[in-house]
C-alpha atoms as a PDB file:
ATOM      1  CA  MET A   1     101.567-115.537 125.574  1.00  0.00           C
ATOM      2  CA  VAL A   2     103.966-115.497 122.578  1.00  0.00           C
ATOM      3  CA  TYR A   3     101.322-115.974 120.098  1.00  0.00           C
ATOM      4  CA  GLU A   4      98.990-113.390 121.465  1.00  0.00           C
ATOM      5  CA  ALA A   5     101.505-110.708 121.208  1.00  0.00           C
ATOM      6  CA  PHE A   6     102.306-111.885 117.702  1.00  0.00           C
ATOM      7  CA  ARG A   7      98.709-111.873 116.696  1.00  0.00           C
ATOM      8  CA  ASP A   8      98.207-108.372 118.209  1.00  0.00           C
ATOM      9  CA  VAL A   9     101.032-107.082 116.182  1.00  0.00           C
ATOM     10  CA  TYR A  10      99.971-108.661 113.059  1.00  0.00           C
ATOM     11  CA  GLU A  11      96.196-107.553 113.375  1.00  0.00           C
ATOM     12  CA  GLU A  12      97.794-103.786 113.970  1.00  0.00           C
ATOM     13  CA  LEU A  13      99.854-104.156 110.814  1.00  0.00           C
ATOM     14  CA  ILE A  14      96.838-105.340 108.918  1.00  0.00           C
ATOM     15  CA  THR A  15      94.559-102.565 110.349  1.00  0.00           C
ATOM     16  CA  GLU A  16      97.268 -99.996 109.382  1.00  0.00           C
ATOM     17  CA  ALA A  17      97.594-101.557 105.873  1.00  0.00           C
ATOM     18  CA  LYS A  18      94.102-101.341 105.259  1.00  0.00           C
ATOM     19  CA  ALA A  19      93.914 -97.897 106.263  1.00  0.00           C
ATOM     20  CA  GLU A  20      96.825 -97.103 103.891  1.00  0.00           C
ATOM     21  CA  GLY A  21      95.146 -98.661 101.224  1.00  0.00           C
ATOM     22  CA  LYS A  22      91.866 -96.995 101.711  1.00  0.00           C
ATOM     23  CA  ALA A  23      93.549 -93.687 101.766  1.00  0.00           C
ATOM     24  CA  GLU A  24      95.555 -94.332  98.458  1.00  0.00           C
ATOM     25  CA  GLY A  25      92.171 -95.645  96.860  1.00  0.00           C
ATOM     26  CA  GLU A  26      90.329 -92.520  97.862  1.00  0.00           C
ATOM     27  CA  ALA A  27      93.108 -90.139  96.741  1.00  0.00           C
ATOM     28  CA  ILE A  28      93.190 -91.981  93.185  1.00  0.00           C
ATOM     29  CA  GLY A  29      89.356 -91.744  93.100  1.00  0.00           C
ATOM     30  CA  VAL A  30      89.149 -87.925  93.951  1.00  0.00           C
ATOM     31  CA  ALA A  31      92.149 -87.183  91.250  1.00  0.00           C
ATOM     32  CA  SER A  32      90.410 -89.181  88.739  1.00  0.00           C
ATOM     33  CA  GLY A  33      87.066 -87.465  89.457  1.00  0.00           C
ATOM     34  CA  GLU A  34      88.557 -83.933  89.202  1.00  0.00           C
ATOM     35  CA  ALA A  35      90.224 -84.754  86.003  1.00  0.00           C
ATOM     36  CA  LYS A  36      87.080 -85.821  84.237  1.00  0.00           C
ATOM     37  CA  GLY A  37      85.342 -82.686  85.586  1.00  0.00           C
ATOM     38  CA  GLU A  38      88.044 -80.591  84.265  1.00  0.00           C
ATOM     39  CA  LYS A  39      87.923 -82.375  80.822  1.00  0.00           C
ATOM     40  CA  ARG A  40      84.274 -81.768  81.019  1.00  0.00           C
ATOM     41  CA  GLN A  41      84.458 -78.154  81.663  1.00  0.00           C
ATOM     42  CA  ARG A  42      87.039 -77.775  78.881  1.00  0.00           C
ATOM     43  CA  GLU A  43      84.715 -79.353  76.463  1.00  0.00           C
ATOM     44  CA  THR A  44      81.745 -76.726  77.510  1.00  0.00           C
ATOM     45  CA  ASP A  45      84.061 -73.833  77.648  1.00  0.00           C
ATOM     46  CA  LEU A  46      85.077 -74.882  73.802  1.00  0.00           C
ATOM     47  CA  LYS A  47      81.670 -75.455  72.832  1.00  0.00           C
ATOM     48  CA  ILE A  48      80.386 -71.935  73.920  1.00  0.00           C
ATOM     49  CA  PHE A  49      83.391 -70.306  72.480  1.00  0.00           C
ATOM     50  CA  ILE A  50      82.994 -71.648  68.986  1.00  0.00           C
ATOM     51  CA  GLU A  51      79.137 -71.095  69.050  1.00  0.00           C
ATOM     52  CA  ASP A  52      79.571 -67.695  70.083  1.00  0.00           C
ATOM     53  CA  LYS A  53      82.302 -66.941  67.394  1.00  0.00           C
ATOM     54  CA  ILE A  54      79.918 -68.473  64.832  1.00  0.00           C
ATOM     55  CA  GLU A  55      77.018 -66.457  66.246  1.00  0.00           C
ATOM     56  CA  ASP A  56      79.149 -63.318  65.407  1.00  0.00           C
ATOM     57  CA  GLY A  57      79.949 -64.498  61.969  1.00  0.00           C
ATOM     58  CA  VAL A  58      83.481 -65.308  62.311  1.00  0.00           C
ATOM     59  CA  PRO A  59      84.564 -67.839  59.557  1.00  0.00           C
ATOM     60  CA  ALA A  60      85.171 -71.396  60.625  1.00  0.00           C
ATOM     61  CA  GLU A  61      89.045 -71.020  59.758  1.00  0.00           C
ATOM     62  CA  LYS A  62      89.495 -67.952  61.842  1.00  0.00           C
ATOM     63  CA  ILE A  63      87.899 -69.815  64.866  1.00  0.00           C
ATOM     64  CA  ALA A  64      90.166 -72.813  64.040  1.00  0.00           C
ATOM     65  CA  ALA A  65      93.053 -70.454  64.159  1.00  0.00           C
ATOM     66  CA  LYS A  66      92.044 -68.866  67.380  1.00  0.00           C
ATOM     67  CA  LEU A  67      91.845 -72.405  69.054  1.00  0.00           C
ATOM     68  CA  VAL A  68      95.373 -73.260  67.772  1.00  0.00           C
ATOM     69  CA  LYS A  69      96.761 -70.000  69.361  1.00  0.00           C
ATOM     70  CA  LEU A  70      94.921 -70.170  72.486  1.00  0.00           C
ATOM     71  CA  TYR A  71      94.861 -74.121  73.345  1.00  0.00           C
ATOM     72  CA  GLY A  72      97.749 -75.201  71.191  1.00  0.00           C
ATOM     73  CA  PHE A  73      95.690 -77.530  69.131  1.00  0.00           C
ATOM     74  CA  THR A  74      96.966 -78.759  66.132  1.00  0.00           C
ATOM     75  CA  GLU A  75      94.931 -77.293  62.886  1.00  0.00           C
ATOM     76  CA  SER A  76      93.365 -80.850  62.406  1.00  0.00           C
ATOM     77  CA  THR A  77      92.072 -80.992  66.060  1.00  0.00           C
ATOM     78  CA  ALA A  78      90.926 -77.210  65.902  1.00  0.00           C
ATOM     79  CA  LYS A  79      89.070 -77.863  62.723  1.00  0.00           C
ATOM     80  CA  GLU A  80      87.500 -81.059  64.312  1.00  0.00           C
ATOM     81  CA  TYR A  81      86.279 -79.003  67.391  1.00  0.00           C
ATOM     82  CA  VAL A  82      84.614 -76.164  65.259  1.00  0.00           C
ATOM     83  CA  GLU A  83      83.191 -78.979  63.097  1.00  0.00           C
ATOM     84  CA  LYS A  84      81.938 -80.697  66.413  1.00  0.00           C
ATOM     85  CA  TYR A  85      80.041 -77.515  67.675  1.00  0.00           C
ATOM     86  CA  SER A  86      78.909 -75.754  64.463  1.00  0.00           C
ATOM     87  CA  PRO A  87      75.047 -75.524  64.302  1.00  0.00           C
ATOM     88  CA  VAL A  88      75.547 -77.072  60.927  1.00  0.00           C
ATOM     89  CA  SER A  89      76.957 -80.418  62.483  1.00  0.00           C
ATOM     90  CA  ALA A  90      74.356 -80.346  65.200  1.00  0.00           C
ATOM     91  CA  GLU A  91      71.713 -80.720  62.579  1.00  0.00           C
ATOM     92  CA  LYS A  92      73.036 -83.943  61.021  1.00  0.00           C
END
């Protein structure tokens, strides 16, 4: 009788722990997926912005300066993005 009561409590605790673990895992997975999606969207937005400015004849230095101002990039990072998404770099 005591054994059965103990077993029932133990099984209930295990079931609760599994449910909590599953919920935590799902939350982590959702957050990770959202972060990846946001990063992908940001890359797409940067690509469109840079390509549009290049099409309008804006010099690469001005585009990089805009990226520094709008996104808080360092000058080096901004230049890397301009090079990455410029049509000339796409031909390489």
